[in-house]
Amino acid sequence: MKGSRIMESLLLINDPKLNGTQITIELPNEGSKLDFESEKIGLLGHLRGHLHNHDITIEVIVNETIENKRSLNDQDRYNRLLELNPNIELLRNTFGLDVNI
């Protein structure tokens, strides 16, 4: 479970690029690359199986000049939490909570 959350955050850093059957992902540092590489086999297996294409490859490039484009404001954070658990809206309405968004 922890590995899939790390993989999710790494995939949200930058949009992957597709060239034929090769997927290229740019990550901001070597640590991110190591984390991604440790989960890459599972991702490749999933993609190859669901897409019925065993030629798919993933290349990871370290580009220390990219910035995390996921700088979230309060509205983005609230929407993400709401996406994860729709009961947050019920909780907010039940207790009359004001969310500064």
PDB file of N, CA and C in Angstrom:
ATOM      1  N   MET A   1       0.827  -1.194   0.000  1.00  0.00           N
ATOM      2  CA  MET A   1       0.000   0.000   0.000  1.00  0.00           C
ATOM      3  C   MET A   1       0.867   1.252   0.000  1.00  0.00           C
ATOM      4  N   LYS A   2       1.932   1.255   0.817  1.00  0.00           N
ATOM      5  CA  LYS A   2       2.802   2.424   0.885  1.00  0.00           C
ATOM      6  C   LYS A   2       3.471   2.687  -0.462  1.00  0.00           C
ATOM      7  N   GLY A   3       3.888   1.610  -1.134  1.00  0.00           N
ATOM      8  CA  GLY A   3       4.538   1.758  -2.434  1.00  0.00           C
ATOM      9  C   GLY A   3       3.635   2.377  -3.472  1.00  0.00           C
ATOM     10  N   SER A   4       2.349   2.028  -3.439  1.00  0.00           N
ATOM     11  CA  SER A   4       1.435   2.590  -4.436  1.00  0.00           C
ATOM     12  C   SER A   4       1.173   4.071  -4.176  1.00  0.00           C
ATOM     13  N   ARG A   5       1.195   4.495  -2.922  1.00  0.00           N
ATOM     14  CA  ARG A   5       1.024   5.932  -2.629  1.00  0.00           C
ATOM     15  C   ARG A   5       2.248   6.723  -3.090  1.00  0.00           C
ATOM     16  N   ILE A   6       3.417   6.143  -2.891  1.00  0.00           N
ATOM     17  CA  ILE A   6       4.637   6.803  -3.363  1.00  0.00           C
ATOM     18  C   ILE A   6       4.607   6.893  -4.881  1.00  0.00           C
ATOM     19  N   MET A   7       4.224   5.801  -5.536  1.00  0.00           N
ATOM     20  CA  MET A   7       4.150   5.784  -6.993  1.00  0.00           C
ATOM     21  C   MET A   7       3.150   6.823  -7.493  1.00  0.00           C
ATOM     22  N   GLU A   8       2.014   6.938  -6.819  1.00  0.00           N
ATOM     23  CA  GLU A   8       1.010   7.935  -7.204  1.00  0.00           C
ATOM     24  C   GLU A   8       1.587   9.339  -7.137  1.00  0.00           C
ATOM     25  N   SER A   9       2.273   9.657  -6.045  1.00  0.00           N
ATOM     26  CA  SER A   9       2.826  11.011  -5.911  1.00  0.00           C
ATOM     27  C   SER A   9       3.915  11.267  -6.947  1.00  0.00           C
ATOM     28  N   LEU A  10       4.701  10.244  -7.268  1.00  0.00           N
ATOM     29  CA  LEU A  10       5.744  10.420  -8.283  1.00  0.00           C
ATOM     30  C   LEU A  10       5.138  10.639  -9.670  1.00  0.00           C
ATOM     31  N   LEU A  11       4.053   9.938  -9.963  1.00  0.00           N
ATOM     32  CA  LEU A  11       3.414  10.099 -11.271  1.00  0.00           C
ATOM     33  C   LEU A  11       2.704  11.443 -11.402  1.00  0.00           C
ATOM     34  N   LEU A  12       2.369  12.075 -10.286  1.00  0.00           N
ATOM     35  CA  LEU A  12       1.718  13.381 -10.320  1.00  0.00           C
ATOM     36  C   LEU A  12       2.700  14.540 -10.458  1.00  0.00           C
ATOM     37  N   ILE A  13       3.989  14.269 -10.300  1.00  0.00           N
ATOM     38  CA  ILE A  13       4.995  15.328 -10.380  1.00  0.00           C
ATOM     39  C   ILE A  13       5.053  15.932 -11.775  1.00  0.00           C
ATOM     40  N   ASN A  14       5.016  15.080 -12.775  1.00  0.00           N
ATOM     41  CA  ASN A  14       5.191  15.533 -14.145  1.00  0.00           C
ATOM     42  C   ASN A  14       4.402  14.615 -15.061  1.00  0.00           C
ATOM     43  N   ASP A  15       3.875  15.131 -16.153  1.00  0.00           N
ATOM     44  CA  ASP A  15       3.130  14.296 -17.087  1.00  0.00           C
ATOM     45  C   ASP A  15       4.082  13.368 -17.839  1.00  0.00           C
ATOM     46  N   PRO A  16       3.777  12.074 -17.859  1.00  0.00           N
ATOM     47  CA  PRO A  16       4.592  11.151 -18.651  1.00  0.00           C
ATOM     48  C   PRO A  16       4.455  11.467 -20.140  1.00  0.00           C
ATOM     49  N   LYS A  17       5.486  11.156 -20.887  1.00  0.00           N
ATOM     50  CA  LYS A  17       5.442  11.362 -22.338  1.00  0.00           C
ATOM     51  C   LYS A  17       5.442   9.993 -23.004  1.00  0.00           C
ATOM     52  N   LEU A  18       4.632   9.855 -24.046  1.00  0.00           N
ATOM     53  CA  LEU A  18       4.513   8.591 -24.759  1.00  0.00           C
ATOM     54  C   LEU A  18       5.097   8.739 -26.151  1.00  0.00           C
ATOM     55  N   ASN A  19       6.004   7.838 -26.495  1.00  0.00           N
ATOM     56  CA  ASN A  19       6.595   7.799 -27.825  1.00  0.00           C
ATOM     57  C   ASN A  19       6.520   6.355 -28.299  1.00  0.00           C
ATOM     58  N   GLY A  20       5.494   6.049 -29.089  1.00  0.00           N
ATOM     59  CA  GLY A  20       5.282   4.660 -29.505  1.00  0.00           C
ATOM     60  C   GLY A  20       4.855   3.833 -28.305  1.00  0.00           C
ATOM     61  N   THR A  21       5.679   2.870 -27.944  1.00  0.00           N
ATOM     62  CA  THR A  21       5.380   2.044 -26.764  1.00  0.00           C
ATOM     63  C   THR A  21       6.282   2.396 -25.590  1.00  0.00           C
ATOM     64  N   GLN A  22       7.076   3.453 -25.725  1.00  0.00           N
ATOM     65  CA  GLN A  22       7.962   3.869 -24.639  1.00  0.00           C
ATOM     66  C   GLN A  22       7.360   5.044 -23.887  1.00  0.00           C
ATOM     67  N   ILE A  23       7.256   4.878 -22.585  1.00  0.00           N
ATOM     68  CA  ILE A  23       6.776   5.930 -21.698  1.00  0.00           C
ATOM     69  C   ILE A  23       7.999   6.540 -21.018  1.00  0.00           C
ATOM     70  N   THR A  24       8.134   7.852 -21.088  1.00  0.00           N
ATOM     71  CA  THR A  24       9.253   8.545 -20.450  1.00  0.00           C
ATOM     72  C   THR A  24       8.705   9.395 -19.320  1.00  0.00           C
ATOM     73  N   ILE A  25       9.315   9.237 -18.157  1.00  0.00           N
ATOM     74  CA  ILE A  25       8.900   9.989 -16.974  1.00  0.00           C
ATOM     75  C   ILE A  25      10.106  10.763 -16.453  1.00  0.00           C
ATOM     76  N   GLU A  26       9.925  12.062 -16.244  1.00  0.00           N
ATOM     77  CA  GLU A  26      10.981  12.897 -15.677  1.00  0.00           C
ATOM     78  C   GLU A  26      10.706  13.079 -14.194  1.00  0.00           C
ATOM     79  N   LEU A  27      11.717  12.819 -13.387  1.00  0.00           N
ATOM     80  CA  LEU A  27      11.608  12.992 -11.942  1.00  0.00           C
ATOM     81  C   LEU A  27      12.668  13.972 -11.470  1.00  0.00           C
ATOM     82  N   PRO A  28      12.434  14.651 -10.333  1.00  0.00           N
ATOM     83  CA  PRO A  28      13.317  15.751  -9.932  1.00  0.00           C
ATOM     84  C   PRO A  28      14.640  15.347  -9.288  1.00  0.00           C
ATOM     85  N   ASN A  29      14.799  14.074  -8.860  1.00  0.00           N
ATOM     86  CA  ASN A  29      16.056  13.697  -8.208  1.00  0.00           C
ATOM     87  C   ASN A  29      16.254  12.182  -8.217  1.00  0.00           C
ATOM     88  N   GLU A  30      17.457  11.763  -7.852  1.00  0.00           N
ATOM     89  CA  GLU A  30      17.805  10.342  -7.864  1.00  0.00           C
ATOM     90  C   GLU A  30      16.986   9.539  -6.849  1.00  0.00           C
ATOM     91  N   GLY A  31      16.660  10.148  -5.725  1.00  0.00           N
ATOM     92  CA  GLY A  31      15.855   9.457  -4.717  1.00  0.00           C
ATOM     93  C   GLY A  31      14.484   9.093  -5.257  1.00  0.00           C
ATOM     94  N   SER A  32      13.880  10.028  -5.980  1.00  0.00           N
ATOM     95  CA  SER A  32      12.583   9.768  -6.609  1.00  0.00           C
ATOM     96  C   SER A  32      12.712   8.659  -7.640  1.00  0.00           C
ATOM     97  N   LYS A  33      13.810   8.676  -8.379  1.00  0.00           N
ATOM     98  CA  LYS A  33      14.036   7.652  -9.397  1.00  0.00           C
ATOM     99  C   LYS A  33      14.139   6.276  -8.745  1.00  0.00           C
ATOM    100  N   LEU A  34      14.873   6.187  -7.642  1.00  0.00           N
ATOM    101  CA  LEU A  34      15.023   4.904  -6.943  1.00  0.00           C
ATOM    102  C   LEU A  34      13.676   4.401  -6.426  1.00  0.00           C
ATOM    103  N   ASP A  35      12.879   5.304  -5.859  1.00  0.00           N
ATOM    104  CA  ASP A  35      11.540   4.922  -5.387  1.00  0.00           C
ATOM    105  C   ASP A  35      10.687   4.425  -6.547  1.00  0.00           C
ATOM    106  N   PHE A  36      10.745   5.125  -7.678  1.00  0.00           N
ATOM    107  CA  PHE A  36       9.951   4.737  -8.841  1.00  0.00           C
ATOM    108  C   PHE A  36      10.418   3.392  -9.386  1.00  0.00           C
ATOM    109  N   GLU A  37      11.724   3.229  -9.504  1.00  0.00           N
ATOM    110  CA  GLU A  37      12.276   1.990 -10.051  1.00  0.00           C
ATOM    111  C   GLU A  37      11.874   0.779  -9.213  1.00  0.00           C
ATOM    112  N   SER A  38      11.737   0.966  -7.894  1.00  0.00           N
ATOM    113  CA  SER A  38      11.383  -0.166  -7.032  1.00  0.00           C
ATOM    114  C   SER A  38       9.943  -0.632  -7.256  1.00  0.00           C
ATOM    115  N   GLU A  39       9.094   0.226  -7.803  1.00  0.00           N
ATOM    116  CA  GLU A  39       7.689  -0.114  -8.059  1.00  0.00           C
ATOM    117  C   GLU A  39       7.381  -0.260  -9.553  1.00  0.00           C
ATOM    118  N   LYS A  40       8.374  -0.023 -10.386  1.00  0.00           N
ATOM    119  CA  LYS A  40       8.154   0.016 -11.835  1.00  0.00           C
ATOM    120  C   LYS A  40       7.684  -1.330 -12.398  1.00  0.00           C
ATOM    121  N   ILE A  41       8.198  -2.424 -11.900  1.00  0.00           N
ATOM    122  CA  ILE A  41       7.838  -3.746 -12.428  1.00  0.00           C
ATOM    123  C   ILE A  41       6.333  -4.000 -12.279  1.00  0.00           C
ATOM    124  N   GLY A  42       5.775  -3.650 -11.133  1.00  0.00           N
ATOM    125  CA  GLY A  42       4.346  -3.822 -10.916  1.00  0.00           C
ATOM    126  C   GLY A  42       3.519  -2.963 -11.854  1.00  0.00           C
ATOM    127  N   LEU A  43       3.948  -1.714 -12.061  1.00  0.00           N
ATOM    128  CA  LEU A  43       3.243  -0.816 -12.970  1.00  0.00           C
ATOM    129  C   LEU A  43       3.306  -1.342 -14.402  1.00  0.00           C
ATOM    130  N   LEU A  44       4.493  -1.791 -14.817  1.00  0.00           N
ATOM    131  CA  LEU A  44       4.637  -2.332 -16.169  1.00  0.00           C
ATOM    132  C   LEU A  44       3.755  -3.561 -16.372  1.00  0.00           C
ATOM    133  N   GLY A  45       3.720  -4.437 -15.382  1.00  0.00           N
ATOM    134  CA  GLY A  45       2.878  -5.626 -15.477  1.00  0.00           C
ATOM    135  C   GLY A  45       1.413  -5.257 -15.633  1.00  0.00           C
ATOM    136  N   HIS A  46       0.985  -4.274 -14.859  1.00  0.00           N
ATOM    137  CA  HIS A  46      -0.406  -3.815 -14.931  1.00  0.00           C
ATOM    138  C   HIS A  46      -0.715  -3.231 -16.305  1.00  0.00           C
ATOM    139  N   LEU A  47       0.143  -2.338 -16.788  1.00  0.00           N
ATOM    140  CA  LEU A  47      -0.082  -1.703 -18.091  1.00  0.00           C
ATOM    141  C   LEU A  47      -0.062  -2.720 -19.226  1.00  0.00           C
ATOM    142  N   ARG A  48       0.934  -3.601 -19.206  1.00  0.00           N
ATOM    143  CA  ARG A  48       1.048  -4.597 -20.276  1.00  0.00           C
ATOM    144  C   ARG A  48      -0.162  -5.523 -20.297  1.00  0.00           C
ATOM    145  N   GLY A  49      -0.633  -5.940 -19.127  1.00  0.00           N
ATOM    146  CA  GLY A  49      -1.780  -6.833 -19.053  1.00  0.00           C
ATOM    147  C   GLY A  49      -3.072  -6.170 -19.490  1.00  0.00           C
ATOM    148  N   HIS A  50      -3.319  -4.962 -18.988  1.00  0.00           N
ATOM    149  CA  HIS A  50      -4.578  -4.286 -19.310  1.00  0.00           C
ATOM    150  C   HIS A  50      -4.621  -3.755 -20.743  1.00  0.00           C
ATOM    151  N   LEU A  51      -3.472  -3.409 -21.277  1.00  0.00           N
ATOM    152  CA  LEU A  51      -3.428  -2.886 -22.645  1.00  0.00           C
ATOM    153  C   LEU A  51      -3.114  -3.975 -23.674  1.00  0.00           C
ATOM    154  N   HIS A  52      -2.847  -5.190 -23.194  1.00  0.00           N
ATOM    155  CA  HIS A  52      -2.510  -6.316 -24.074  1.00  0.00           C
ATOM    156  C   HIS A  52      -1.373  -5.953 -25.021  1.00  0.00           C
ATOM    157  N   ASN A  53      -0.345  -5.329 -24.447  1.00  0.00           N
ATOM    158  CA  ASN A  53       0.799  -4.906 -25.234  1.00  0.00           C
ATOM    159  C   ASN A  53       2.053  -5.118 -24.395  1.00  0.00           C
ATOM    160  N   HIS A  54       2.814  -6.148 -24.736  1.00  0.00           N
ATOM    161  CA  HIS A  54       3.997  -6.475 -23.947  1.00  0.00           C
ATOM    162  C   HIS A  54       5.255  -5.767 -24.434  1.00  0.00           C
ATOM    163  N   ASP A  55       5.094  -4.827 -25.365  1.00  0.00           N
ATOM    164  CA  ASP A  55       6.226  -4.036 -25.845  1.00  0.00           C
ATOM    165  C   ASP A  55       6.406  -2.741 -25.054  1.00  0.00           C
ATOM    166  N   ILE A  56       5.506  -2.453 -24.132  1.00  0.00           N
ATOM    167  CA  ILE A  56       5.558  -1.203 -23.365  1.00  0.00           C
ATOM    168  C   ILE A  56       6.799  -1.186 -22.473  1.00  0.00           C
ATOM    169  N   THR A  57       7.514  -0.065 -22.504  1.00  0.00           N
ATOM    170  CA  THR A  57       8.670   0.132 -21.623  1.00  0.00           C
ATOM    171  C   THR A  57       8.521   1.485 -20.929  1.00  0.00           C
ATOM    172  N   ILE A  58       9.203   1.616 -19.807  1.00  0.00           N
ATOM    173  CA  ILE A  58       9.201   2.886 -19.071  1.00  0.00           C
ATOM    174  C   ILE A  58      10.644   3.317 -18.859  1.00  0.00           C
ATOM    175  N   GLU A  59      10.948   4.533 -19.270  1.00  0.00           N
ATOM    176  CA  GLU A  59      12.276   5.116 -19.057  1.00  0.00           C
ATOM    177  C   GLU A  59      12.129   6.252 -18.047  1.00  0.00           C
ATOM    178  N   VAL A  60      13.010   6.264 -17.068  1.00  0.00           N
ATOM    179  CA  VAL A  60      12.984   7.304 -16.046  1.00  0.00           C
ATOM    180  C   VAL A  60      14.193   8.210 -16.243  1.00  0.00           C
ATOM    181  N   ILE A  61      13.931   9.501 -16.338  1.00  0.00           N
ATOM    182  CA  ILE A  61      14.984  10.498 -16.516  1.00  0.00           C
ATOM    183  C   ILE A  61      14.979  11.420 -15.301  1.00  0.00           C
ATOM    184  N   VAL A  62      16.163  11.686 -14.758  1.00  0.00           N
ATOM    185  CA  VAL A  62      16.278  12.639 -13.654  1.00  0.00           C
ATOM    186  C   VAL A  62      16.571  14.009 -14.247  1.00  0.00           C
ATOM    187  N   ASN A  63      15.696  14.964 -13.934  1.00  0.00           N
ATOM    188  CA  ASN A  63      15.848  16.335 -14.399  1.00  0.00           C
ATOM    189  C   ASN A  63      15.676  17.229 -13.176  1.00  0.00           C
ATOM    190  N   GLU A  64      16.768  17.630 -12.600  1.00  0.00           N
ATOM    191  CA  GLU A  64      16.715  18.389 -11.350  1.00  0.00           C
ATOM    192  C   GLU A  64      16.196  19.807 -11.532  1.00  0.00           C
ATOM    193  N   THR A  65      15.940  20.210 -12.772  1.00  0.00           N
ATOM    194  CA  THR A  65      15.428  21.567 -12.983  1.00  0.00           C
ATOM    195  C   THR A  65      13.908  21.612 -12.993  1.00  0.00           C
ATOM    196  N   ILE A  66      13.246  20.449 -13.060  1.00  0.00           N
ATOM    197  CA  ILE A  66      11.779  20.497 -13.046  1.00  0.00           C
ATOM    198  C   ILE A  66      11.289  20.792 -11.645  1.00  0.00           C
ATOM    199  N   GLU A  67      10.202  21.517 -11.604  1.00  0.00           N
ATOM    200  CA  GLU A  67       9.590  21.842 -10.328  1.00  0.00           C
ATOM    201  C   GLU A  67       8.328  21.027 -10.184  1.00  0.00           C
ATOM    202  N   ASN A  68       7.971  20.754  -8.955  1.00  0.00           N
ATOM    203  CA  ASN A  68       6.733  20.034  -8.706  1.00  0.00           C
ATOM    204  C   ASN A  68       5.588  20.954  -9.089  1.00  0.00           C
ATOM    205  N   LYS A  69       4.885  20.621 -10.176  1.00  0.00           N
ATOM    206  CA  LYS A  69       3.827  21.499 -10.645  1.00  0.00           C
ATOM    207  C   LYS A  69       2.547  21.314  -9.858  1.00  0.00           C
ATOM    208  N   ARG A  70       2.578  20.475  -8.848  1.00  0.00           N
ATOM    209  CA  ARG A  70       1.404  20.223  -8.032  1.00  0.00           C
ATOM    210  C   ARG A  70       1.436  21.082  -6.775  1.00  0.00           C
ATOM    211  N   SER A  71       1.612  22.383  -6.928  1.00  0.00           N
ATOM    212  CA  SER A  71       1.502  23.250  -5.770  1.00  0.00           C
ATOM    213  C   SER A  71       0.014  23.485  -5.539  1.00  0.00           C
ATOM    214  N   LEU A  72      -0.483  22.914  -4.467  1.00  0.00           N
ATOM    215  CA  LEU A  72      -1.914  22.911  -4.222  1.00  0.00           C
ATOM    216  C   LEU A  72      -2.333  24.097  -3.366  1.00  0.00           C
ATOM    217  N   ASN A  73      -3.440  24.720  -3.753  1.00  0.00           N
ATOM    218  CA  ASN A  73      -4.015  25.739  -2.889  1.00  0.00           C
ATOM    219  C   ASN A  73      -5.056  25.060  -1.997  1.00  0.00           C
ATOM    220  N   ASP A  74      -5.704  25.820  -1.134  1.00  0.00           N
ATOM    221  CA  ASP A  74      -6.665  25.242  -0.194  1.00  0.00           C
ATOM    222  C   ASP A  74      -7.819  24.540  -0.912  1.00  0.00           C
ATOM    223  N   GLN A  75      -8.295  25.125  -2.001  1.00  0.00           N
ATOM    224  CA  GLN A  75      -9.394  24.520  -2.762  1.00  0.00           C
ATOM    225  C   GLN A  75      -8.971  23.173  -3.344  1.00  0.00           C
ATOM    226  N   ASP A  76      -7.749  23.112  -3.884  1.00  0.00           N
ATOM    227  CA  ASP A  76      -7.243  21.855  -4.442  1.00  0.00           C
ATOM    228  C   ASP A  76      -7.137  20.776  -3.369  1.00  0.00           C
ATOM    229  N   ARG A  77      -6.628  21.160  -2.200  1.00  0.00           N
ATOM    230  CA  ARG A  77      -6.493  20.197  -1.097  1.00  0.00           C
ATOM    231  C   ARG A  77      -7.859  19.682  -0.658  1.00  0.00           C
ATOM    232  N   TYR A  78      -8.823  20.593  -0.514  1.00  0.00           N
ATOM    233  CA  TYR A  78     -10.163  20.202  -0.096  1.00  0.00           C
ATOM    234  C   TYR A  78     -10.795  19.275  -1.138  1.00  0.00           C
ATOM    235  N   ASN A  79     -10.659  19.628  -2.409  1.00  0.00           N
ATOM    236  CA  ASN A  79     -11.217  18.797  -3.476  1.00  0.00           C
ATOM    237  C   ASN A  79     -10.581  17.412  -3.480  1.00  0.00           C
ATOM    238  N   ARG A  80      -9.286  17.340  -3.231  1.00  0.00           N
ATOM    239  CA  ARG A  80      -8.593  16.044  -3.191  1.00  0.00           C
ATOM    240  C   ARG A  80      -9.095  15.209  -2.016  1.00  0.00           C
ATOM    241  N   LEU A  81      -9.244  15.826  -0.851  1.00  0.00           N
ATOM    242  CA  LEU A  81      -9.768  15.105   0.312  1.00  0.00           C
ATOM    243  C   LEU A  81     -11.201  14.657   0.062  1.00  0.00           C
ATOM    244  N   LEU A  82     -11.981  15.509  -0.564  1.00  0.00           N
ATOM    245  CA  LEU A  82     -13.369  15.174  -0.884  1.00  0.00           C
ATOM    246  C   LEU A  82     -13.428  14.006  -1.871  1.00  0.00           C
ATOM    247  N   GLU A  83     -12.493  13.976  -2.781  1.00  0.00           N
ATOM    248  CA  GLU A  83     -12.408  12.877  -3.746  1.00  0.00           C
ATOM    249  C   GLU A  83     -12.077  11.562  -3.036  1.00  0.00           C
ATOM    250  N   LEU A  84     -11.182  11.641  -2.059  1.00  0.00           N
ATOM    251  CA  LEU A  84     -10.797  10.445  -1.310  1.00  0.00           C
ATOM    252  C   LEU A  84     -11.900   9.968  -0.378  1.00  0.00           C
ATOM    253  N   ASN A  85     -12.653  10.912   0.197  1.00  0.00           N
ATOM    254  CA  ASN A  85     -13.705  10.552   1.144  1.00  0.00           C
ATOM    255  C   ASN A  85     -14.859  11.551   1.038  1.00  0.00           C
ATOM    256  N   PRO A  86     -15.901  11.188   0.270  1.00  0.00           N
ATOM    257  CA  PRO A  86     -17.037  12.095   0.075  1.00  0.00           C
ATOM    258  C   PRO A  86     -17.770  12.441   1.372  1.00  0.00           C
ATOM    259  N   ASN A  87     -17.570  11.671   2.436  1.00  0.00           N
ATOM    260  CA  ASN A  87     -18.221  11.955   3.712  1.00  0.00           C
ATOM    261  C   ASN A  87     -17.711  13.248   4.352  1.00  0.00           C
ATOM    262  N   ILE A  88     -16.624  13.788   3.860  1.00  0.00           N
ATOM    263  CA  ILE A  88     -16.102  15.046   4.388  1.00  0.00           C
ATOM    264  C   ILE A  88     -17.121  16.162   4.198  1.00  0.00           C
ATOM    265  N   GLU A  89     -17.805  16.159   3.067  1.00  0.00           N
ATOM    266  CA  GLU A  89     -18.826  17.186   2.807  1.00  0.00           C
ATOM    267  C   GLU A  89     -19.982  17.035   3.797  1.00  0.00           C
ATOM    268  N   LEU A  90     -20.392  15.804   4.072  1.00  0.00           N
ATOM    269  CA  LEU A  90     -21.448  15.544   5.049  1.00  0.00           C
ATOM    270  C   LEU A  90     -21.017  16.034   6.437  1.00  0.00           C
ATOM    271  N   LEU A  91     -19.797  15.749   6.810  1.00  0.00           N
ATOM    272  CA  LEU A  91     -19.254  16.199   8.096  1.00  0.00           C
ATOM    273  C   LEU A  91     -19.245  17.726   8.171  1.00  0.00           C
ATOM    274  N   ARG A  92     -18.792  18.358   7.095  1.00  0.00           N
ATOM    275  CA  ARG A  92     -18.719  19.823   7.058  1.00  0.00           C
ATOM    276  C   ARG A  92     -20.116  20.424   7.207  1.00  0.00           C
ATOM    277  N   ASN A  93     -21.113  19.871   6.495  1.00  0.00           N
ATOM    278  CA  ASN A  93     -22.465  20.399   6.554  1.00  0.00           C
ATOM    279  C   ASN A  93     -23.136  20.104   7.895  1.00  0.00           C
ATOM    280  N   THR A  94     -22.936  18.912   8.437  1.00  0.00           N
ATOM    281  CA  THR A  94     -23.571  18.518   9.692  1.00  0.00           C
ATOM    282  C   THR A  94     -23.149  19.424  10.841  1.00  0.00           C
ATOM    283  N   PHE A  95     -21.868  19.747  10.880  1.00  0.00           N
ATOM    284  CA  PHE A  95     -21.366  20.552  11.991  1.00  0.00           C
ATOM    285  C   PHE A  95     -21.221  22.032  11.633  1.00  0.00           C
ATOM    286  N   GLY A  96     -21.689  22.426  10.453  1.00  0.00           N
ATOM    287  CA  GLY A  96     -21.629  23.829  10.054  1.00  0.00           C
ATOM    288  C   GLY A  96     -20.222  24.358   9.993  1.00  0.00           C
ATOM    289  N   LEU A  97     -19.307  23.530   9.546  1.00  0.00           N
ATOM    290  CA  LEU A  97     -17.908  23.948   9.485  1.00  0.00           C
ATOM    291  C   LEU A  97     -17.660  24.854   8.288  1.00  0.00           C
ATOM    292  N   ASP A  98     -16.889  25.874   8.512  1.00  0.00           N
ATOM    293  CA  ASP A  98     -16.546  26.793   7.448  1.00  0.00           C
ATOM    294  C   ASP A  98     -15.148  26.443   6.961  1.00  0.00           C
ATOM    295  N   VAL A  99     -15.052  26.175   5.699  1.00  0.00           N
ATOM    296  CA  VAL A  99     -13.760  25.881   5.112  1.00  0.00           C
ATOM    297  C   VAL A  99     -13.334  27.095   4.326  1.00  0.00           C
ATOM    298  N   ASN A 100     -12.190  27.631   4.643  1.00  0.00           N
ATOM    299  CA  ASN A 100     -11.681  28.818   3.949  1.00  0.00           C
ATOM    300  C   ASN A 100     -11.150  28.435   2.593  1.00  0.00           C
ATOM    301  N   ILE A 101     -12.051  28.354   1.621  1.00  0.00           N
ATOM    302  CA  ILE A 101     -11.638  28.001   0.262  1.00  0.00           C
ATOM    303  C   ILE A 101     -12.111  29.043  -0.712  1.00  0.00           C
TER     304      ILE A 101
END
